[in-house]
Amino acid sequence: MKPFETLMALASEYRPDAEPGPGFDTRLQARIRELREASGDLGTSFSALFTQWLWRTSWGLTPVVAILVLFFALSYGLNLPEGAGSLVYHLANLLPVDGF
């Protein structure tokens, strides 16, 4: 039996005398995550690695995006730069209109 299945079997057999303490579900989820990482079920797939990287990168790039938005807002104001109108017009045709 895998460690995760063992943990779930033990958890289903456990009958507590009282209500679980605060943070029980958080500790259980952390323990399940540790068991999955130890067994290699989590963290080895490309999608798991990519989503972790994307989340960390998005937080790191937030100040850069904020500075770029501020720069373009100060340099162009609320108007679009010349020639961007046609781009917006062509992209607007790609928006879905069903259901509106």
PDB file of N, CA and C in Angstrom:
ATOM      1  N   MET A   1       0.842  -1.175   0.000  1.00  0.00           N
ATOM      2  CA  MET A   1       0.000   0.000   0.000  1.00  0.00           C
ATOM      3  C   MET A   1       0.892   1.245   0.000  1.00  0.00           C
ATOM      4  N   LYS A   2       0.489   2.268  -0.748  1.00  0.00           N
ATOM      5  CA  LYS A   2       1.243   3.510  -0.821  1.00  0.00           C
ATOM      6  C   LYS A   2       1.079   4.294   0.481  1.00  0.00           C
ATOM      7  N   PRO A   3       2.023   5.189   0.776  1.00  0.00           N
ATOM      8  CA  PRO A   3       1.925   5.976   2.017  1.00  0.00           C
ATOM      9  C   PRO A   3       0.646   6.806   2.096  1.00  0.00           C
ATOM     10  N   PHE A   4       0.200   7.360   0.975  1.00  0.00           N
ATOM     11  CA  PHE A   4      -1.024   8.151   0.990  1.00  0.00           C
ATOM     12  C   PHE A   4      -2.225   7.281   1.337  1.00  0.00           C
ATOM     13  N   GLU A   5      -2.284   6.107   0.728  1.00  0.00           N
ATOM     14  CA  GLU A   5      -3.394   5.198   1.011  1.00  0.00           C
ATOM     15  C   GLU A   5      -3.348   4.718   2.456  1.00  0.00           C
ATOM     16  N   THR A   6      -2.150   4.492   2.970  1.00  0.00           N
ATOM     17  CA  THR A   6      -1.999   4.091   4.367  1.00  0.00           C
ATOM     18  C   THR A   6      -2.509   5.188   5.296  1.00  0.00           C
ATOM     19  N   LEU A   7      -2.140   6.430   5.000  1.00  0.00           N
ATOM     20  CA  LEU A   7      -2.584   7.551   5.817  1.00  0.00           C
ATOM     21  C   LEU A   7      -4.098   7.690   5.773  1.00  0.00           C
ATOM     22  N   MET A   8      -4.689   7.547   4.597  1.00  0.00           N
ATOM     23  CA  MET A   8      -6.139   7.666   4.490  1.00  0.00           C
ATOM     24  C   MET A   8      -6.850   6.521   5.217  1.00  0.00           C
ATOM     25  N   ALA A   9      -6.274   5.309   5.155  1.00  0.00           N
ATOM     26  CA  ALA A   9      -6.872   4.179   5.873  1.00  0.00           C
ATOM     27  C   ALA A   9      -6.807   4.412   7.384  1.00  0.00           C
ATOM     28  N   LEU A  10      -5.669   4.897   7.865  1.00  0.00           N
ATOM     29  CA  LEU A  10      -5.553   5.199   9.290  1.00  0.00           C
ATOM     30  C   LEU A  10      -6.484   6.330   9.703  1.00  0.00           C
ATOM     31  N   ALA A  11      -6.629   7.330   8.855  1.00  0.00           N
ATOM     32  CA  ALA A  11      -7.515   8.446   9.174  1.00  0.00           C
ATOM     33  C   ALA A  11      -8.973   8.008   9.207  1.00  0.00           C
ATOM     34  N   SER A  12      -9.363   7.085   8.327  1.00  0.00           N
ATOM     35  CA  SER A  12     -10.755   6.638   8.328  1.00  0.00           C
ATOM     36  C   SER A  12     -11.061   5.735   9.515  1.00  0.00           C
ATOM     37  N   GLU A  13     -10.060   5.043  10.055  1.00  0.00           N
ATOM     38  CA  GLU A  13     -10.267   4.174  11.218  1.00  0.00           C
ATOM     39  C   GLU A  13     -10.210   4.942  12.532  1.00  0.00           C
ATOM     40  N   TYR A  14      -9.646   6.132  12.530  1.00  0.00           N
ATOM     41  CA  TYR A  14      -9.459   6.893  13.762  1.00  0.00           C
ATOM     42  C   TYR A  14     -10.779   7.484  14.226  1.00  0.00           C
ATOM     43  N   ARG A  15     -11.123   7.261  15.461  1.00  0.00           N
ATOM     44  CA  ARG A  15     -12.328   7.815  16.076  1.00  0.00           C
ATOM     45  C   ARG A  15     -11.896   8.712  17.242  1.00  0.00           C
ATOM     46  N   PRO A  16     -11.927  10.024  17.052  1.00  0.00           N
ATOM     47  CA  PRO A  16     -11.483  10.919  18.128  1.00  0.00           C
ATOM     48  C   PRO A  16     -12.494  10.976  19.265  1.00  0.00           C
ATOM     49  N   ASP A  17     -12.001  11.272  20.462  1.00  0.00           N
ATOM     50  CA  ASP A  17     -12.873  11.411  21.626  1.00  0.00           C
ATOM     51  C   ASP A  17     -13.597  12.758  21.620  1.00  0.00           C
ATOM     52  N   ALA A  18     -12.939  13.752  21.054  1.00  0.00           N
ATOM     53  CA  ALA A  18     -13.512  15.100  21.034  1.00  0.00           C
ATOM     54  C   ALA A  18     -13.311  15.703  19.651  1.00  0.00           C
ATOM     55  N   GLU A  19     -13.714  16.930  19.519  1.00  0.00           N
ATOM     56  CA  GLU A  19     -13.524  17.651  18.264  1.00  0.00           C
ATOM     57  C   GLU A  19     -12.035  17.835  17.995  1.00  0.00           C
ATOM     58  N   PRO A  20     -11.630  17.779  16.735  1.00  0.00           N
ATOM     59  CA  PRO A  20     -10.212  18.009  16.428  1.00  0.00           C
ATOM     60  C   PRO A  20      -9.808  19.433  16.770  1.00  0.00           C
ATOM     61  N   GLY A  21      -8.538  19.599  17.108  1.00  0.00           N
ATOM     62  CA  GLY A  21      -8.021  20.903  17.476  1.00  0.00           C
ATOM     63  C   GLY A  21      -7.959  21.845  16.289  1.00  0.00           C
ATOM     64  N   PRO A  22      -7.716  23.104  16.559  1.00  0.00           N
ATOM     65  CA  PRO A  22      -7.639  24.069  15.457  1.00  0.00           C
ATOM     66  C   PRO A  22      -6.466  23.758  14.538  1.00  0.00           C
ATOM     67  N   GLY A  23      -6.707  23.897  13.250  1.00  0.00           N
ATOM     68  CA  GLY A  23      -5.657  23.656  12.278  1.00  0.00           C
ATOM     69  C   GLY A  23      -5.463  22.196  11.920  1.00  0.00           C
ATOM     70  N   PHE A  24      -6.392  21.325  12.297  1.00  0.00           N
ATOM     71  CA  PHE A  24      -6.237  19.900  12.012  1.00  0.00           C
ATOM     72  C   PHE A  24      -6.205  19.635  10.517  1.00  0.00           C
ATOM     73  N   ASP A  25      -7.136  20.266   9.779  1.00  0.00           N
ATOM     74  CA  ASP A  25      -7.197  20.024   8.342  1.00  0.00           C
ATOM     75  C   ASP A  25      -5.958  20.566   7.634  1.00  0.00           C
ATOM     76  N   THR A  26      -5.421  21.672   8.120  1.00  0.00           N
ATOM     77  CA  THR A  26      -4.204  22.231   7.521  1.00  0.00           C
ATOM     78  C   THR A  26      -3.019  21.302   7.745  1.00  0.00           C
ATOM     79  N   ARG A  27      -2.912  20.779   8.963  1.00  0.00           N
ATOM     80  CA  ARG A  27      -1.818  19.846   9.256  1.00  0.00           C
ATOM     81  C   ARG A  27      -1.957  18.562   8.464  1.00  0.00           C
ATOM     82  N   LEU A  28      -3.200  18.082   8.297  1.00  0.00           N
ATOM     83  CA  LEU A  28      -3.426  16.864   7.519  1.00  0.00           C
ATOM     84  C   LEU A  28      -3.057  17.082   6.055  1.00  0.00           C
ATOM     85  N   GLN A  29      -3.455  18.209   5.478  1.00  0.00           N
ATOM     86  CA  GLN A  29      -3.114  18.496   4.090  1.00  0.00           C
ATOM     87  C   GLN A  29      -1.599  18.640   3.911  1.00  0.00           C
ATOM     88  N   ALA A  30      -0.935  19.247   4.881  1.00  0.00           N
ATOM     89  CA  ALA A  30       0.522  19.380   4.795  1.00  0.00           C
ATOM     90  C   ALA A  30       1.188  18.017   4.860  1.00  0.00           C
ATOM     91  N   ARG A  31       0.684  17.151   5.706  1.00  0.00           N
ATOM     92  CA  ARG A  31       1.257  15.806   5.815  1.00  0.00           C
ATOM     93  C   ARG A  31       1.023  15.011   4.538  1.00  0.00           C
ATOM     94  N   ILE A  32      -0.151  15.137   3.944  1.00  0.00           N
ATOM     95  CA  ILE A  32      -0.437  14.457   2.680  1.00  0.00           C
ATOM     96  C   ILE A  32       0.495  14.974   1.593  1.00  0.00           C
ATOM     97  N   ARG A  33       0.708  16.295   1.554  1.00  0.00           N
ATOM     98  CA  ARG A  33       1.626  16.874   0.567  1.00  0.00           C
ATOM     99  C   ARG A  33       3.045  16.343   0.765  1.00  0.00           C
ATOM    100  N   GLU A  34       3.490  16.239   2.017  1.00  0.00           N
ATOM    101  CA  GLU A  34       4.828  15.696   2.293  1.00  0.00           C
ATOM    102  C   GLU A  34       4.940  14.254   1.816  1.00  0.00           C
ATOM    103  N   LEU A  35       3.903  13.454   2.055  1.00  0.00           N
ATOM    104  CA  LEU A  35       3.938  12.058   1.621  1.00  0.00           C
ATOM    105  C   LEU A  35       3.951  11.945   0.105  1.00  0.00           C
ATOM    106  N   ARG A  36       3.186  12.804  -0.569  1.00  0.00           N
ATOM    107  CA  ARG A  36       3.190  12.778  -2.031  1.00  0.00           C
ATOM    108  C   ARG A  36       4.540  13.194  -2.594  1.00  0.00           C
ATOM    109  N   GLU A  37       5.147  14.218  -2.011  1.00  0.00           N
ATOM    110  CA  GLU A  37       6.451  14.665  -2.476  1.00  0.00           C
ATOM    111  C   GLU A  37       7.511  13.601  -2.222  1.00  0.00           C
ATOM    112  N   ALA A  38       7.412  12.925  -1.088  1.00  0.00           N
ATOM    113  CA  ALA A  38       8.381  11.884  -0.766  1.00  0.00           C
ATOM    114  C   ALA A  38       8.252  10.686  -1.701  1.00  0.00           C
ATOM    115  N   SER A  39       7.009  10.388  -2.108  1.00  0.00           N
ATOM    116  CA  SER A  39       6.816   9.243  -2.991  1.00  0.00           C
ATOM    117  C   SER A  39       7.016   9.602  -4.460  1.00  0.00           C
ATOM    118  N   GLY A  40       7.123  10.890  -4.755  1.00  0.00           N
ATOM    119  CA  GLY A  40       7.362  11.310  -6.129  1.00  0.00           C
ATOM    120  C   GLY A  40       6.095  11.504  -6.931  1.00  0.00           C
ATOM    121  N   ASP A  41       4.918  11.471  -6.288  1.00  0.00           N
ATOM    122  CA  ASP A  41       3.664  11.654  -7.019  1.00  0.00           C
ATOM    123  C   ASP A  41       3.442  13.104  -7.407  1.00  0.00           C
ATOM    124  N   LEU A  42       3.953  14.029  -6.615  1.00  0.00           N
ATOM    125  CA  LEU A  42       3.711  15.442  -6.851  1.00  0.00           C
ATOM    126  C   LEU A  42       5.027  16.147  -7.108  1.00  0.00           C
ATOM    127  N   GLY A  43       5.039  17.068  -7.994  1.00  0.00           N
ATOM    128  CA  GLY A  43       6.229  17.864  -8.225  1.00  0.00           C
ATOM    129  C   GLY A  43       7.108  17.363  -9.346  1.00  0.00           C
ATOM    130  N   THR A  44       6.835  16.189  -9.890  1.00  0.00           N
ATOM    131  CA  THR A  44       7.664  15.688 -10.976  1.00  0.00           C
ATOM    132  C   THR A  44       7.024  15.937 -12.335  1.00  0.00           C
ATOM    133  N   SER A  45       5.729  16.191 -12.355  1.00  0.00           N
ATOM    134  CA  SER A  45       5.075  16.413 -13.642  1.00  0.00           C
ATOM    135  C   SER A  45       5.369  17.818 -14.132  1.00  0.00           C
ATOM    136  N   PHE A  46       5.329  17.968 -15.439  1.00  0.00           N
ATOM    137  CA  PHE A  46       5.615  19.264 -16.042  1.00  0.00           C
ATOM    138  C   PHE A  46       4.584  20.306 -15.628  1.00  0.00           C
ATOM    139  N   SER A  47       3.312  19.906 -15.586  1.00  0.00           N
ATOM    140  CA  SER A  47       2.270  20.884 -15.251  1.00  0.00           C
ATOM    141  C   SER A  47       2.415  21.397 -13.823  1.00  0.00           C
ATOM    142  N   ALA A  48       2.778  20.529 -12.883  1.00  0.00           N
ATOM    143  CA  ALA A  48       2.966  20.979 -11.505  1.00  0.00           C
ATOM    144  C   ALA A  48       4.153  21.928 -11.400  1.00  0.00           C
ATOM    145  N   LEU A  49       5.242  21.601 -12.072  1.00  0.00           N
ATOM    146  CA  LEU A  49       6.411  22.475 -12.047  1.00  0.00           C
ATOM    147  C   LEU A  49       6.110  23.805 -12.729  1.00  0.00           C
ATOM    148  N   PHE A  50       5.391  23.748 -13.856  1.00  0.00           N
ATOM    149  CA  PHE A  50       5.084  24.971 -14.590  1.00  0.00           C
ATOM    150  C   PHE A  50       4.170  25.889 -13.785  1.00  0.00           C
ATOM    151  N   THR A  51       3.148  25.335 -13.131  1.00  0.00           N
ATOM    152  CA  THR A  51       2.251  26.179 -12.348  1.00  0.00           C
ATOM    153  C   THR A  51       2.958  26.786 -11.152  1.00  0.00           C
ATOM    154  N   GLN A  52       3.839  26.038 -10.507  1.00  0.00           N
ATOM    155  CA  GLN A  52       4.613  26.603  -9.397  1.00  0.00           C
ATOM    156  C   GLN A  52       5.506  27.729  -9.895  1.00  0.00           C
ATOM    157  N   TRP A  53       6.166  27.527 -11.030  1.00  0.00           N
ATOM    158  CA  TRP A  53       7.028  28.559 -11.591  1.00  0.00           C
ATOM    159  C   TRP A  53       6.217  29.790 -11.986  1.00  0.00           C
ATOM    160  N   LEU A  54       5.067  29.566 -12.618  1.00  0.00           N
ATOM    161  CA  LEU A  54       4.233  30.674 -13.071  1.00  0.00           C
ATOM    162  C   LEU A  54       3.730  31.503 -11.897  1.00  0.00           C
ATOM    163  N   TRP A  55       3.353  30.846 -10.804  1.00  0.00           N
ATOM    164  CA  TRP A  55       2.850  31.564  -9.629  1.00  0.00           C
ATOM    165  C   TRP A  55       3.958  32.420  -9.021  1.00  0.00           C
ATOM    166  N   ARG A  56       5.152  31.826  -8.868  1.00  0.00           N
ATOM    167  CA  ARG A  56       6.268  32.587  -8.297  1.00  0.00           C
ATOM    168  C   ARG A  56       6.671  33.736  -9.219  1.00  0.00           C
ATOM    169  N   THR A  57       6.686  33.506 -10.514  1.00  0.00           N
ATOM    170  CA  THR A  57       7.081  34.531 -11.468  1.00  0.00           C
ATOM    171  C   THR A  57       6.061  35.665 -11.524  1.00  0.00           C
ATOM    172  N   SER A  58       4.783  35.332 -11.444  1.00  0.00           N
ATOM    173  CA  SER A  58       3.764  36.377 -11.523  1.00  0.00           C
ATOM    174  C   SER A  58       3.889  37.344 -10.352  1.00  0.00           C
ATOM    175  N   TRP A  59       4.177  36.841  -9.159  1.00  0.00           N
ATOM    176  CA  TRP A  59       4.367  37.735  -8.019  1.00  0.00           C
ATOM    177  C   TRP A  59       5.645  38.553  -8.170  1.00  0.00           C
ATOM    178  N   GLY A  60       6.675  37.970  -8.751  1.00  0.00           N
ATOM    179  CA  GLY A  60       7.931  38.695  -8.915  1.00  0.00           C
ATOM    180  C   GLY A  60       7.851  39.770  -9.978  1.00  0.00           C
ATOM    181  N   LEU A  61       6.994  39.584 -10.982  1.00  0.00           N
ATOM    182  CA  LEU A  61       6.878  40.552 -12.059  1.00  0.00           C
ATOM    183  C   LEU A  61       5.825  41.632 -11.802  1.00  0.00           C
ATOM    184  N   THR A  62       5.122  41.550 -10.704  1.00  0.00           N
ATOM    185  CA  THR A  62       4.092  42.538 -10.401  1.00  0.00           C
ATOM    186  C   THR A  62       4.647  43.964 -10.347  1.00  0.00           C
ATOM    187  N   PRO A  63       5.775  44.224  -9.668  1.00  0.00           N
ATOM    188  CA  PRO A  63       6.307  45.597  -9.683  1.00  0.00           C
ATOM    189  C   PRO A  63       6.728  46.060 -11.074  1.00  0.00           C
ATOM    190  N   VAL A  64       7.250  45.161 -11.884  1.00  0.00           N
ATOM    191  CA  VAL A  64       7.666  45.521 -13.241  1.00  0.00           C
ATOM    192  C   VAL A  64       6.449  45.931 -14.067  1.00  0.00           C
ATOM    193  N   VAL A  65       5.381  45.179 -13.988  1.00  0.00           N
ATOM    194  CA  VAL A  65       4.162  45.495 -14.728  1.00  0.00           C
ATOM    195  C   VAL A  65       3.568  46.813 -14.232  1.00  0.00           C
ATOM    196  N   ALA A  66       3.596  47.035 -12.923  1.00  0.00           N
ATOM    197  CA  ALA A  66       3.070  48.283 -12.372  1.00  0.00           C
ATOM    198  C   ALA A  66       3.868  49.481 -12.885  1.00  0.00           C
ATOM    199  N   ILE A  67       5.182  49.355 -12.950  1.00  0.00           N
ATOM    200  CA  ILE A  67       6.022  50.443 -13.464  1.00  0.00           C
ATOM    201  C   ILE A  67       5.741  50.686 -14.946  1.00  0.00           C
ATOM    202  N   LEU A  68       5.578  49.614 -15.731  1.00  0.00           N
ATOM    203  CA  LEU A  68       5.262  49.777 -17.158  1.00  0.00           C
ATOM    204  C   LEU A  68       3.908  50.450 -17.360  1.00  0.00           C
ATOM    205  N   VAL A  69       2.922  50.062 -16.581  1.00  0.00           N
ATOM    206  CA  VAL A  69       1.597  50.678 -16.682  1.00  0.00           C
ATOM    207  C   VAL A  69       1.681  52.156 -16.332  1.00  0.00           C
ATOM    208  N   LEU A  70       2.411  52.483 -15.290  1.00  0.00           N
ATOM    209  CA  LEU A  70       2.575  53.875 -14.899  1.00  0.00           C
ATOM    210  C   LEU A  70       3.291  54.667 -16.001  1.00  0.00           C
ATOM    211  N   PHE A  71       4.333  54.095 -16.583  1.00  0.00           N
ATOM    212  CA  PHE A  71       5.071  54.768 -17.650  1.00  0.00           C
ATOM    213  C   PHE A  71       4.171  55.051 -18.852  1.00  0.00           C
ATOM    214  N   PHE A  72       3.441  54.033 -19.302  1.00  0.00           N
ATOM    215  CA  PHE A  72       2.576  54.233 -20.463  1.00  0.00           C
ATOM    216  C   PHE A  72       1.413  55.165 -20.147  1.00  0.00           C
ATOM    217  N   ALA A  73       0.913  55.134 -18.929  1.00  0.00           N
ATOM    218  CA  ALA A  73      -0.174  56.045 -18.561  1.00  0.00           C
ATOM    219  C   ALA A  73       0.323  57.490 -18.551  1.00  0.00           C
ATOM    220  N   LEU A  74       1.556  57.710 -18.079  1.00  0.00           N
ATOM    221  CA  LEU A  74       2.095  59.065 -18.063  1.00  0.00           C
ATOM    222  C   LEU A  74       2.490  59.544 -19.456  1.00  0.00           C
ATOM    223  N   SER A  75       2.997  58.660 -20.281  1.00  0.00           N
ATOM    224  CA  SER A  75       3.457  59.098 -21.600  1.00  0.00           C
ATOM    225  C   SER A  75       2.311  59.240 -22.603  1.00  0.00           C
ATOM    226  N   TYR A  76       1.295  58.401 -22.544  1.00  0.00           N
ATOM    227  CA  TYR A  76       0.204  58.467 -23.512  1.00  0.00           C
ATOM    228  C   TYR A  76      -1.089  59.017 -22.913  1.00  0.00           C
ATOM    229  N   GLY A  77      -1.164  59.094 -21.631  1.00  0.00           N
ATOM    230  CA  GLY A  77      -2.410  59.514 -21.000  1.00  0.00           C
ATOM    231  C   GLY A  77      -3.450  58.422 -21.146  1.00  0.00           C
ATOM    232  N   LEU A  78      -4.670  58.824 -21.320  1.00  0.00           N
ATOM    233  CA  LEU A  78      -5.736  57.839 -21.485  1.00  0.00           C
ATOM    234  C   LEU A  78      -6.018  57.537 -22.947  1.00  0.00           C
ATOM    235  N   ASN A  79      -5.296  58.196 -23.853  1.00  0.00           N
ATOM    236  CA  ASN A  79      -5.480  57.961 -25.278  1.00  0.00           C
ATOM    237  C   ASN A  79      -4.578  56.823 -25.743  1.00  0.00           C
ATOM    238  N   LEU A  80      -5.013  56.130 -26.755  1.00  0.00           N
ATOM    239  CA  LEU A  80      -4.194  55.078 -27.344  1.00  0.00           C
ATOM    240  C   LEU A  80      -3.141  55.696 -28.247  1.00  0.00           C
ATOM    241  N   PRO A  81      -1.971  55.081 -28.367  1.00  0.00           N
ATOM    242  CA  PRO A  81      -0.977  55.612 -29.289  1.00  0.00           C
ATOM    243  C   PRO A  81      -1.477  55.541 -30.731  1.00  0.00           C
ATOM    244  N   GLU A  82      -0.892  56.370 -31.590  1.00  0.00           N
ATOM    245  CA  GLU A  82      -1.329  56.413 -32.984  1.00  0.00           C
ATOM    246  C   GLU A  82      -1.076  55.066 -33.657  1.00  0.00           C
ATOM    247  N   GLY A  83      -2.054  54.562 -34.356  1.00  0.00           N
ATOM    248  CA  GLY A  83      -1.945  53.278 -35.026  1.00  0.00           C
ATOM    249  C   GLY A  83      -2.471  52.122 -34.196  1.00  0.00           C
ATOM    250  N   ALA A  84      -2.680  52.330 -32.912  1.00  0.00           N
ATOM    251  CA  ALA A  84      -3.192  51.246 -32.069  1.00  0.00           C
ATOM    252  C   ALA A  84      -4.690  51.081 -32.235  1.00  0.00           C
ATOM    253  N   GLY A  85      -5.346  52.089 -32.751  1.00  0.00           N
ATOM    254  CA  GLY A  85      -6.794  52.010 -32.942  1.00  0.00           C
ATOM    255  C   GLY A  85      -7.185  50.905 -33.889  1.00  0.00           C
ATOM    256  N   SER A  86      -6.423  50.756 -34.976  1.00  0.00           N
ATOM    257  CA  SER A  86      -6.750  49.700 -35.922  1.00  0.00           C
ATOM    258  C   SER A  86      -6.503  48.320 -35.314  1.00  0.00           C
ATOM    259  N   LEU A  87      -5.473  48.208 -34.480  1.00  0.00           N
ATOM    260  CA  LEU A  87      -5.204  46.937 -33.803  1.00  0.00           C
ATOM    261  C   LEU A  87      -6.344  46.580 -32.863  1.00  0.00           C
ATOM    262  N   VAL A  88      -6.806  47.566 -32.101  1.00  0.00           N
ATOM    263  CA  VAL A  88      -7.929  47.330 -31.192  1.00  0.00           C
ATOM    264  C   VAL A  88      -9.185  46.969 -31.982  1.00  0.00           C
ATOM    265  N   TYR A  89      -9.388  47.620 -33.110  1.00  0.00           N
ATOM    266  CA  TYR A  89     -10.552  47.324 -33.949  1.00  0.00           C
ATOM    267  C   TYR A  89     -10.517  45.884 -34.444  1.00  0.00           C
ATOM    268  N   HIS A  90      -9.369  45.421 -34.893  1.00  0.00           N
ATOM    269  CA  HIS A  90      -9.254  44.048 -35.394  1.00  0.00           C
ATOM    270  C   HIS A  90      -9.364  43.029 -34.274  1.00  0.00           C
ATOM    271  N   LEU A  91      -8.824  43.348 -33.104  1.00  0.00           N
ATOM    272  CA  LEU A  91      -8.919  42.404 -31.985  1.00  0.00           C
ATOM    273  C   LEU A  91     -10.333  42.365 -31.420  1.00  0.00           C
ATOM    274  N   ALA A  92     -11.046  43.455 -31.507  1.00  0.00           N
ATOM    275  CA  ALA A  92     -12.430  43.492 -30.996  1.00  0.00           C
ATOM    276  C   ALA A  92     -13.322  42.541 -31.774  1.00  0.00           C
ATOM    277  N   ASN A  93     -13.003  42.307 -33.036  1.00  0.00           N
ATOM    278  CA  ASN A  93     -13.807  41.372 -33.830  1.00  0.00           C
ATOM    279  C   ASN A  93     -13.637  39.929 -33.375  1.00  0.00           C
ATOM    280  N   LEU A  94     -12.566  39.642 -32.641  1.00  0.00           N
ATOM    281  CA  LEU A  94     -12.330  38.279 -32.168  1.00  0.00           C
ATOM    282  C   LEU A  94     -13.055  37.960 -30.851  1.00  0.00           C
ATOM    283  N   LEU A  95     -13.610  38.981 -30.204  1.00  0.00           N
ATOM    284  CA  LEU A  95     -14.306  38.757 -28.937  1.00  0.00           C
ATOM    285  C   LEU A  95     -15.593  37.975 -29.160  1.00  0.00           C
ATOM    286  N   PRO A  96     -15.904  37.029 -28.277  1.00  0.00           N
ATOM    287  CA  PRO A  96     -17.171  36.302 -28.441  1.00  0.00           C
ATOM    288  C   PRO A  96     -18.351  37.201 -28.104  1.00  0.00           C
ATOM    289  N   VAL A  97     -19.371  37.139 -28.913  1.00  0.00           N
ATOM    290  CA  VAL A  97     -20.550  37.977 -28.688  1.00  0.00           C
ATOM    291  C   VAL A  97     -21.793  37.134 -28.415  1.00  0.00           C
ATOM    292  N   ASP A  98     -21.672  35.827 -28.414  1.00  0.00           N
ATOM    293  CA  ASP A  98     -22.819  34.974 -28.138  1.00  0.00           C
ATOM    294  C   ASP A  98     -23.233  35.126 -26.686  1.00  0.00           C
ATOM    295  N   GLY A  99     -24.481  35.319 -26.439  1.00  0.00           N
ATOM    296  CA  GLY A  99     -24.989  35.422 -25.090  1.00  0.00           C
ATOM    297  C   GLY A  99     -25.037  36.839 -24.564  1.00  0.00           C
ATOM    298  N   PHE A 100     -24.676  37.826 -25.385  1.00  0.00           N
ATOM    299  CA  PHE A 100     -24.730  39.215 -24.919  1.00  0.00           C
ATOM    300  C   PHE A 100     -25.882  39.923 -25.546  1.00  0.00           C
TER     301      PHE A 100
END
